[in-house]
Amino acid sequence: KEALDERIEAVERLRAVELDLVAALQADGVQLSAAQLESLFFDIFGVSPTQIRYALHHTWLGHDYPPIFDYELGEPANSLYSGAAESSAHGSRLVWDLGMSGGMDSLYFLVHGFQVLSVEANPMLALDVRTALKRYGDRVQIITAAITGDAWESDSSAEVAEPNRREVMFHIHKERPDFSALDDDRVPRHMLAGSVPVRAVTCGELVHEYGRPYGVKIDAEG
């Protein structure tokens, strides 16, 4: 709770800085659009308000937050001028989160109103995030699988329960789950927690099964 309170306070301070900047500009007779304010803020501080909000909220799956970007207008949702709506729902628009890891990007897409298909090869991460985001019901679907190319060969040593199901060995990093990979050379032996067979899927198979996405986030190691 203390960490959450600190994030809320930081967001409020950011809002105060934005308001002070707008007030100073208006005092000089300068009117800026939301996009122009974002650009000016970046020029001054080296980071934009949207980037700061994303970083502040990108920490805990148990806390929902207001949208920080309006994908219809193509500008920050917290615009000081436009009075953007609290929700930027997109109906059935589907976003893929390939290499879901801890699920924070999936949460980001969910609070912005998208349907989300999340793909994660680490079965423990998939289980944790599935539990944490169950409040979103059927708006998010999490599958335990590894993204491969058409030419990637299945591991013949893995027992496959379904005849048409391809599987590959996934090597889990004991300290950094996000460093886990299909290539065993990427996980040092002294950091290997174990190797497990996981379903292998291609992007073409995902399109066939779930439909073409509006957008795709990719963060997957080979």
C-alpha atoms as a PDB file:
ATOM      1  CA  LYS A   1       0.000   0.000   0.000  1.00  0.00           C
ATOM      2  CA  GLU A   2       2.862   2.381   0.794  1.00  0.00           C
ATOM      3  CA  ALA A   3       4.354   1.852  -2.665  1.00  0.00           C
ATOM      4  CA  LEU A   4       0.941   2.430  -4.261  1.00  0.00           C
ATOM      5  CA  ASP A   5       0.466   5.642  -2.274  1.00  0.00           C
ATOM      6  CA  GLU A   6       3.877   6.844  -3.428  1.00  0.00           C
ATOM      7  CA  ARG A   7       2.976   6.189  -7.072  1.00  0.00           C
ATOM      8  CA  ILE A   8      -0.299   8.074  -6.689  1.00  0.00           C
ATOM      9  CA  GLU A   9       1.564  10.991  -5.125  1.00  0.00           C
ATOM     10  CA  ALA A  10       4.104  10.962  -7.962  1.00  0.00           C
ATOM     11  CA  VAL A  11       1.316  11.061 -10.566  1.00  0.00           C
ATOM     12  CA  GLU A  12      -0.260  14.010  -8.749  1.00  0.00           C
ATOM     13  CA  ARG A  13       3.074  15.843  -8.693  1.00  0.00           C
ATOM     14  CA  LEU A  14       3.497  15.233 -12.408  1.00  0.00           C
ATOM     15  CA  ARG A  15       0.043  16.704 -12.999  1.00  0.00           C
ATOM     16  CA  ALA A  16       1.010  19.759 -10.943  1.00  0.00           C
ATOM     17  CA  VAL A  17       4.167  20.278 -13.029  1.00  0.00           C
ATOM     18  CA  GLU A  18       2.109  20.062 -16.223  1.00  0.00           C
ATOM     19  CA  LEU A  19      -0.400  22.594 -14.909  1.00  0.00           C
ATOM     20  CA  ASP A  20       2.381  24.965 -13.859  1.00  0.00           C
ATOM     21  CA  LEU A  21       3.949  24.702 -17.313  1.00  0.00           C
ATOM     22  CA  VAL A  22       0.609  25.412 -19.018  1.00  0.00           C
ATOM     23  CA  ALA A  23      -0.040  28.374 -16.702  1.00  0.00           C
ATOM     24  CA  ALA A  24       3.394  29.852 -17.486  1.00  0.00           C
ATOM     25  CA  LEU A  25       2.807  29.474 -21.218  1.00  0.00           C
ATOM     26  CA  GLN A  26      -0.674  30.985 -21.028  1.00  0.00           C
ATOM     27  CA  ALA A  27       0.702  33.936 -19.096  1.00  0.00           C
ATOM     28  CA  ASP A  28       2.873  34.620 -22.142  1.00  0.00           C
ATOM     29  CA  GLY A  29      -0.073  34.161 -24.464  1.00  0.00           C
ATOM     30  CA  VAL A  30       1.066  30.743 -25.724  1.00  0.00           C
ATOM     31  CA  GLN A  31      -1.521  28.033 -26.380  1.00  0.00           C
ATOM     32  CA  LEU A  32      -0.301  24.508 -27.103  1.00  0.00           C
ATOM     33  CA  SER A  33      -2.082  21.361 -28.163  1.00  0.00           C
ATOM     34  CA  ALA A  34      -1.671  18.216 -26.086  1.00  0.00           C
ATOM     35  CA  ALA A  35       0.896  16.854 -28.551  1.00  0.00           C
ATOM     36  CA  GLN A  36       2.846  20.123 -28.503  1.00  0.00           C
ATOM     37  CA  LEU A  37       2.842  20.155 -24.705  1.00  0.00           C
ATOM     38  CA  GLU A  38       4.117  16.577 -24.705  1.00  0.00           C
ATOM     39  CA  SER A  39       6.939  17.558 -27.057  1.00  0.00           C
ATOM     40  CA  LEU A  40       7.856  20.666 -25.048  1.00  0.00           C
ATOM     41  CA  PHE A  41       7.868  18.704 -21.793  1.00  0.00           C
ATOM     42  CA  PHE A  42      10.223  16.188 -23.405  1.00  0.00           C
ATOM     43  CA  ASP A  43      12.529  18.965 -24.643  1.00  0.00           C
ATOM     44  CA  ILE A  44      12.744  20.390 -21.118  1.00  0.00           C
ATOM     45  CA  PHE A  45      12.992  17.233 -19.017  1.00  0.00           C
ATOM     46  CA  GLY A  46      14.212  14.586 -21.470  1.00  0.00           C
ATOM     47  CA  VAL A  47      11.121  12.436 -20.885  1.00  0.00           C
ATOM     48  CA  SER A  48       7.465  12.923 -21.749  1.00  0.00           C
ATOM     49  CA  PRO A  49       4.547  12.920 -19.273  1.00  0.00           C
ATOM     50  CA  THR A  50       3.130   9.808 -20.951  1.00  0.00           C
ATOM     51  CA  GLN A  51       6.443   7.982 -20.514  1.00  0.00           C
ATOM     52  CA  ILE A  52       6.535   8.939 -16.829  1.00  0.00           C
ATOM     53  CA  ARG A  53       2.969   7.743 -16.245  1.00  0.00           C
ATOM     54  CA  TYR A  54       3.733   4.480 -18.006  1.00  0.00           C
ATOM     55  CA  ALA A  55       6.811   3.888 -15.822  1.00  0.00           C
ATOM     56  CA  LEU A  56       4.941   4.733 -12.612  1.00  0.00           C
ATOM     57  CA  HIS A  57       2.085   2.334 -13.361  1.00  0.00           C
ATOM     58  CA  HIS A  58       4.288  -0.399 -14.824  1.00  0.00           C
ATOM     59  CA  THR A  59       4.920  -2.121 -11.497  1.00  0.00           C
ATOM     60  CA  TRP A  60       1.959  -4.090 -10.110  1.00  0.00           C
ATOM     61  CA  LEU A  61      -0.754  -6.155 -11.775  1.00  0.00           C
ATOM     62  CA  GLY A  62      -3.209  -5.747  -8.922  1.00  0.00           C
ATOM     63  CA  HIS A  63      -3.811  -2.024  -9.534  1.00  0.00           C
ATOM     64  CA  ASP A  64      -5.819  -0.649 -12.458  1.00  0.00           C
ATOM     65  CA  TYR A  65      -5.159   2.897 -13.606  1.00  0.00           C
ATOM     66  CA  PRO A  66      -6.761   5.418 -15.944  1.00  0.00           C
ATOM     67  CA  PRO A  67      -5.765   5.271 -19.627  1.00  0.00           C
ATOM     68  CA  ILE A  68      -2.668   7.332 -20.325  1.00  0.00           C
ATOM     69  CA  PHE A  69      -2.988   7.435 -24.116  1.00  0.00           C
ATOM     70  CA  ASP A  70      -5.969   7.901 -26.414  1.00  0.00           C
ATOM     71  CA  TYR A  71      -5.483   5.614 -29.413  1.00  0.00           C
ATOM     72  CA  GLU A  72      -8.400   7.170 -31.286  1.00  0.00           C
ATOM     73  CA  LEU A  73      -7.061  10.721 -31.052  1.00  0.00           C
ATOM     74  CA  GLY A  74      -3.389   9.729 -31.146  1.00  0.00           C
ATOM     75  CA  GLU A  75      -2.502  11.853 -28.128  1.00  0.00           C
ATOM     76  CA  PRO A  76      -2.056  11.502 -24.356  1.00  0.00           C
ATOM     77  CA  ALA A  77      -5.324  10.622 -22.628  1.00  0.00           C
ATOM     78  CA  ASN A  78      -4.480  12.940 -19.740  1.00  0.00           C
ATOM     79  CA  SER A  79      -4.557  15.965 -21.998  1.00  0.00           C
ATOM     80  CA  LEU A  80      -4.915  19.184 -20.044  1.00  0.00           C
ATOM     81  CA  TYR A  81      -6.891  20.641 -22.938  1.00  0.00           C
ATOM     82  CA  SER A  82      -9.097  17.964 -24.443  1.00  0.00           C
ATOM     83  CA  GLY A  83     -10.767  16.632 -21.314  1.00  0.00           C
ATOM     84  CA  ALA A  84     -10.245  13.083 -22.580  1.00  0.00           C
ATOM     85  CA  ALA A  85     -12.706  10.449 -21.461  1.00  0.00           C
ATOM     86  CA  GLU A  86     -11.804   8.189 -18.578  1.00  0.00           C
ATOM     87  CA  SER A  87     -11.949   5.128 -20.824  1.00  0.00           C
ATOM     88  CA  SER A  88     -10.705   4.682 -24.364  1.00  0.00           C
ATOM     89  CA  ALA A  89     -12.530   1.429 -25.105  1.00  0.00           C
ATOM     90  CA  HIS A  90     -12.013  -0.171 -28.485  1.00  0.00           C
ATOM     91  CA  GLY A  91     -14.690  -2.834 -28.530  1.00  0.00           C
ATOM     92  CA  SER A  92     -13.313  -5.969 -30.097  1.00  0.00           C
ATOM     93  CA  ARG A  93      -9.914  -4.604 -31.144  1.00  0.00           C
ATOM     94  CA  LEU A  94      -7.351  -7.292 -30.407  1.00  0.00           C
ATOM     95  CA  VAL A  95      -3.770  -6.730 -29.292  1.00  0.00           C
ATOM     96  CA  TRP A  96      -1.161  -9.471 -29.056  1.00  0.00           C
ATOM     97  CA  ASP A  97       1.373  -9.475 -26.212  1.00  0.00           C
ATOM     98  CA  LEU A  98       4.045 -11.876 -27.476  1.00  0.00           C
ATOM     99  CA  GLY A  99       6.519 -12.592 -24.705  1.00  0.00           C
ATOM    100  CA  MET A 100       4.160 -11.477 -21.937  1.00  0.00           C
ATOM    101  CA  SER A 101       6.701 -11.950 -19.114  1.00  0.00           C
ATOM    102  CA  GLY A 102       5.284 -10.344 -15.946  1.00  0.00           C
ATOM    103  CA  GLY A 103       2.116  -9.124 -17.681  1.00  0.00           C
ATOM    104  CA  MET A 104       2.468  -5.366 -17.239  1.00  0.00           C
ATOM    105  CA  ASP A 105       2.089  -4.679 -20.956  1.00  0.00           C
ATOM    106  CA  SER A 106      -1.012  -6.886 -21.036  1.00  0.00           C
ATOM    107  CA  LEU A 107      -2.450  -4.815 -18.184  1.00  0.00           C
ATOM    108  CA  TYR A 108      -1.584  -1.620 -20.069  1.00  0.00           C
ATOM    109  CA  PHE A 109      -3.561  -2.799 -23.112  1.00  0.00           C
ATOM    110  CA  LEU A 110      -6.468  -3.912 -20.912  1.00  0.00           C
ATOM    111  CA  VAL A 111      -6.841  -0.575 -19.114  1.00  0.00           C
ATOM    112  CA  HIS A 112      -6.864   1.050 -22.554  1.00  0.00           C
ATOM    113  CA  GLY A 113      -9.877  -1.014 -23.544  1.00  0.00           C
ATOM    114  CA  PHE A 114      -8.356  -3.641 -25.824  1.00  0.00           C
ATOM    115  CA  GLN A 115      -8.952  -7.355 -26.036  1.00  0.00           C
ATOM    116  CA  VAL A 116      -5.608  -9.055 -25.302  1.00  0.00           C
ATOM    117  CA  LEU A 117      -4.026 -12.320 -26.398  1.00  0.00           C
ATOM    118  CA  SER A 118      -0.932 -12.913 -24.273  1.00  0.00           C
ATOM    119  CA  VAL A 119       1.652 -15.561 -25.152  1.00  0.00           C
ATOM    120  CA  GLU A 120       4.268 -16.650 -22.608  1.00  0.00           C
ATOM    121  CA  ALA A 121       6.499 -19.727 -22.727  1.00  0.00           C
ATOM    122  CA  ASN A 122       7.314 -19.778 -19.006  1.00  0.00           C
ATOM    123  CA  PRO A 123       4.437 -21.769 -17.469  1.00  0.00           C
ATOM    124  CA  MET A 124       4.903 -20.282 -13.981  1.00  0.00           C
ATOM    125  CA  LEU A 125       4.742 -16.699 -15.268  1.00  0.00           C
ATOM    126  CA  ALA A 126       1.674 -17.567 -17.339  1.00  0.00           C
ATOM    127  CA  LEU A 127      -0.033 -19.048 -14.276  1.00  0.00           C
ATOM    128  CA  ASP A 128       0.798 -16.048 -12.069  1.00  0.00           C
ATOM    129  CA  VAL A 129      -0.433 -13.472 -14.588  1.00  0.00           C
ATOM    130  CA  ARG A 130      -3.546 -15.481 -15.438  1.00  0.00           C
ATOM    131  CA  THR A 131      -4.447 -15.404 -11.742  1.00  0.00           C
ATOM    132  CA  ALA A 132      -3.613 -11.715 -11.312  1.00  0.00           C
ATOM    133  CA  LEU A 133      -5.654 -10.593 -14.326  1.00  0.00           C
ATOM    134  CA  LYS A 134      -8.658 -12.873 -13.896  1.00  0.00           C
ATOM    135  CA  ARG A 135     -10.764  -9.804 -13.022  1.00  0.00           C
ATOM    136  CA  TYR A 136     -10.742  -8.982 -16.764  1.00  0.00           C
ATOM    137  CA  GLY A 137     -12.527 -12.217 -17.632  1.00  0.00           C
ATOM    138  CA  ASP A 138     -12.636 -13.109 -21.314  1.00  0.00           C
ATOM    139  CA  ARG A 139     -11.073  -9.808 -22.386  1.00  0.00           C
ATOM    140  CA  VAL A 140      -7.667 -11.409 -21.846  1.00  0.00           C
ATOM    141  CA  GLN A 141      -6.564 -14.839 -22.985  1.00  0.00           C
ATOM    142  CA  ILE A 142      -3.187 -16.157 -21.853  1.00  0.00           C
ATOM    143  CA  ILE A 143      -1.658 -19.147 -23.565  1.00  0.00           C
ATOM    144  CA  THR A 144       1.505 -20.965 -22.521  1.00  0.00           C
ATOM    145  CA  ALA A 145       3.503 -21.299 -25.723  1.00  0.00           C
ATOM    146  CA  ALA A 146       6.708 -20.275 -27.453  1.00  0.00           C
ATOM    147  CA  ILE A 147       6.659 -18.198 -30.636  1.00  0.00           C
ATOM    148  CA  THR A 148       8.643 -19.927 -33.379  1.00  0.00           C
ATOM    149  CA  GLY A 149       9.177 -19.549 -37.093  1.00  0.00           C
ATOM    150  CA  ASP A 150       7.812 -21.968 -39.664  1.00  0.00           C
ATOM    151  CA  ALA A 151      11.251 -23.534 -40.017  1.00  0.00           C
ATOM    152  CA  TRP A 152      11.808 -24.100 -36.279  1.00  0.00           C
ATOM    153  CA  GLU A 153      12.121 -27.803 -35.524  1.00  0.00           C
ATOM    154  CA  SER A 154      10.156 -29.386 -32.702  1.00  0.00           C
ATOM    155  CA  ASP A 155      12.071 -31.233 -29.998  1.00  0.00           C
ATOM    156  CA  SER A 156      11.707 -34.910 -30.852  1.00  0.00           C
ATOM    157  CA  SER A 157      12.522 -35.886 -27.256  1.00  0.00           C
ATOM    158  CA  ALA A 158       9.465 -34.090 -25.843  1.00  0.00           C
ATOM    159  CA  GLU A 159       6.385 -36.205 -25.330  1.00  0.00           C
ATOM    160  CA  VAL A 160       3.543 -34.675 -27.312  1.00  0.00           C
ATOM    161  CA  ALA A 161       0.031 -35.384 -26.070  1.00  0.00           C
ATOM    162  CA  GLU A 162      -1.686 -34.202 -29.283  1.00  0.00           C
ATOM    163  CA  PRO A 163      -0.518 -35.578 -32.665  1.00  0.00           C
ATOM    164  CA  ASN A 164      -0.613 -32.201 -34.452  1.00  0.00           C
ATOM    165  CA  ARG A 165       0.885 -30.265 -31.561  1.00  0.00           C
ATOM    166  CA  ARG A 166       4.484 -29.118 -31.914  1.00  0.00           C
ATOM    167  CA  GLU A 167       6.593 -28.664 -28.800  1.00  0.00           C
ATOM    168  CA  VAL A 168      10.014 -27.181 -28.076  1.00  0.00           C
ATOM    169  CA  MET A 169      12.172 -27.166 -24.970  1.00  0.00           C
ATOM    170  CA  PHE A 170      12.118 -23.907 -23.026  1.00  0.00           C
ATOM    171  CA  HIS A 171      15.007 -23.167 -20.653  1.00  0.00           C
ATOM    172  CA  ILE A 172      14.123 -21.215 -17.505  1.00  0.00           C
ATOM    173  CA  HIS A 173      16.511 -18.756 -15.853  1.00  0.00           C
ATOM    174  CA  LYS A 174      16.402 -19.196 -12.074  1.00  0.00           C
ATOM    175  CA  GLU A 175      16.971 -15.521 -11.169  1.00  0.00           C
ATOM    176  CA  ARG A 176      15.671 -13.630 -14.201  1.00  0.00           C
ATOM    177  CA  PRO A 177      12.587 -15.308 -15.693  1.00  0.00           C
ATOM    178  CA  ASP A 178      12.683 -12.700 -18.467  1.00  0.00           C
ATOM    179  CA  PHE A 179      16.089 -14.097 -19.519  1.00  0.00           C
ATOM    180  CA  SER A 180      14.610 -17.558 -20.150  1.00  0.00           C
ATOM    181  CA  ALA A 181      14.913 -18.713 -23.751  1.00  0.00           C
ATOM    182  CA  LEU A 182      14.500 -21.448 -26.344  1.00  0.00           C
ATOM    183  CA  ASP A 183      18.224 -21.403 -27.036  1.00  0.00           C
ATOM    184  CA  ASP A 184      19.942 -23.192 -24.137  1.00  0.00           C
ATOM    185  CA  ASP A 185      23.156 -21.232 -24.814  1.00  0.00           C
ATOM    186  CA  ARG A 186      21.374 -18.077 -23.660  1.00  0.00           C
ATOM    187  CA  VAL A 187      20.856 -19.463 -20.149  1.00  0.00           C
ATOM    188  CA  PRO A 188      24.137 -20.222 -18.284  1.00  0.00           C
ATOM    189  CA  ARG A 189      24.162 -23.696 -16.776  1.00  0.00           C
ATOM    190  CA  HIS A 190      24.603 -22.338 -13.224  1.00  0.00           C
ATOM    191  CA  MET A 191      21.503 -20.173 -13.757  1.00  0.00           C
ATOM    192  CA  LEU A 192      19.325 -22.900 -15.255  1.00  0.00           C
ATOM    193  CA  ALA A 193      16.268 -23.640 -13.100  1.00  0.00           C
ATOM    194  CA  GLY A 194      15.087 -26.327 -15.482  1.00  0.00           C
ATOM    195  CA  SER A 195      13.893 -27.046 -19.007  1.00  0.00           C
ATOM    196  CA  VAL A 196      10.292 -27.807 -19.911  1.00  0.00           C
ATOM    197  CA  PRO A 197       8.508 -28.746 -23.149  1.00  0.00           C
ATOM    198  CA  VAL A 198       6.072 -26.070 -24.268  1.00  0.00           C
ATOM    199  CA  ARG A 199       3.726 -25.677 -27.190  1.00  0.00           C
ATOM    200  CA  ALA A 200       5.285 -24.076 -30.271  1.00  0.00           C
ATOM    201  CA  VAL A 201       3.165 -21.676 -32.326  1.00  0.00           C
ATOM    202  CA  THR A 202       3.797 -19.394 -35.280  1.00  0.00           C
ATOM    203  CA  CYS A 203       2.282 -15.979 -35.818  1.00  0.00           C
ATOM    204  CA  GLY A 204       0.406 -17.423 -38.791  1.00  0.00           C
ATOM    205  CA  GLU A 205      -1.200 -20.020 -36.542  1.00  0.00           C
ATOM    206  CA  LEU A 206      -2.219 -17.320 -34.069  1.00  0.00           C
ATOM    207  CA  VAL A 207      -3.877 -15.304 -36.848  1.00  0.00           C
ATOM    208  CA  HIS A 208      -5.730 -18.410 -38.007  1.00  0.00           C
ATOM    209  CA  GLU A 209      -6.908 -19.281 -34.497  1.00  0.00           C
ATOM    210  CA  TYR A 210      -7.525 -15.862 -32.916  1.00  0.00           C
ATOM    211  CA  GLY A 211      -7.765 -13.375 -35.776  1.00  0.00           C
ATOM    212  CA  ARG A 212      -5.614 -10.554 -37.092  1.00  0.00           C
ATOM    213  CA  PRO A 213      -4.542  -8.108 -34.342  1.00  0.00           C
ATOM    214  CA  TYR A 214      -4.846  -4.344 -34.218  1.00  0.00           C
ATOM    215  CA  GLY A 215      -1.355  -4.171 -32.712  1.00  0.00           C
ATOM    216  CA  VAL A 216       1.471  -6.446 -31.569  1.00  0.00           C
ATOM    217  CA  LYS A 217       4.030  -6.147 -28.786  1.00  0.00           C
ATOM    218  CA  ILE A 218       7.002  -8.483 -29.169  1.00  0.00           C
ATOM    219  CA  ASP A 219       9.582  -9.270 -26.500  1.00  0.00           C
ATOM    220  CA  ALA A 220      10.741 -12.828 -27.037  1.00  0.00           C
ATOM    221  CA  GLU A 221      14.213 -14.345 -26.789  1.00  0.00           C
ATOM    222  CA  GLY A 222      15.396 -17.027 -29.223  1.00  0.00           C
END
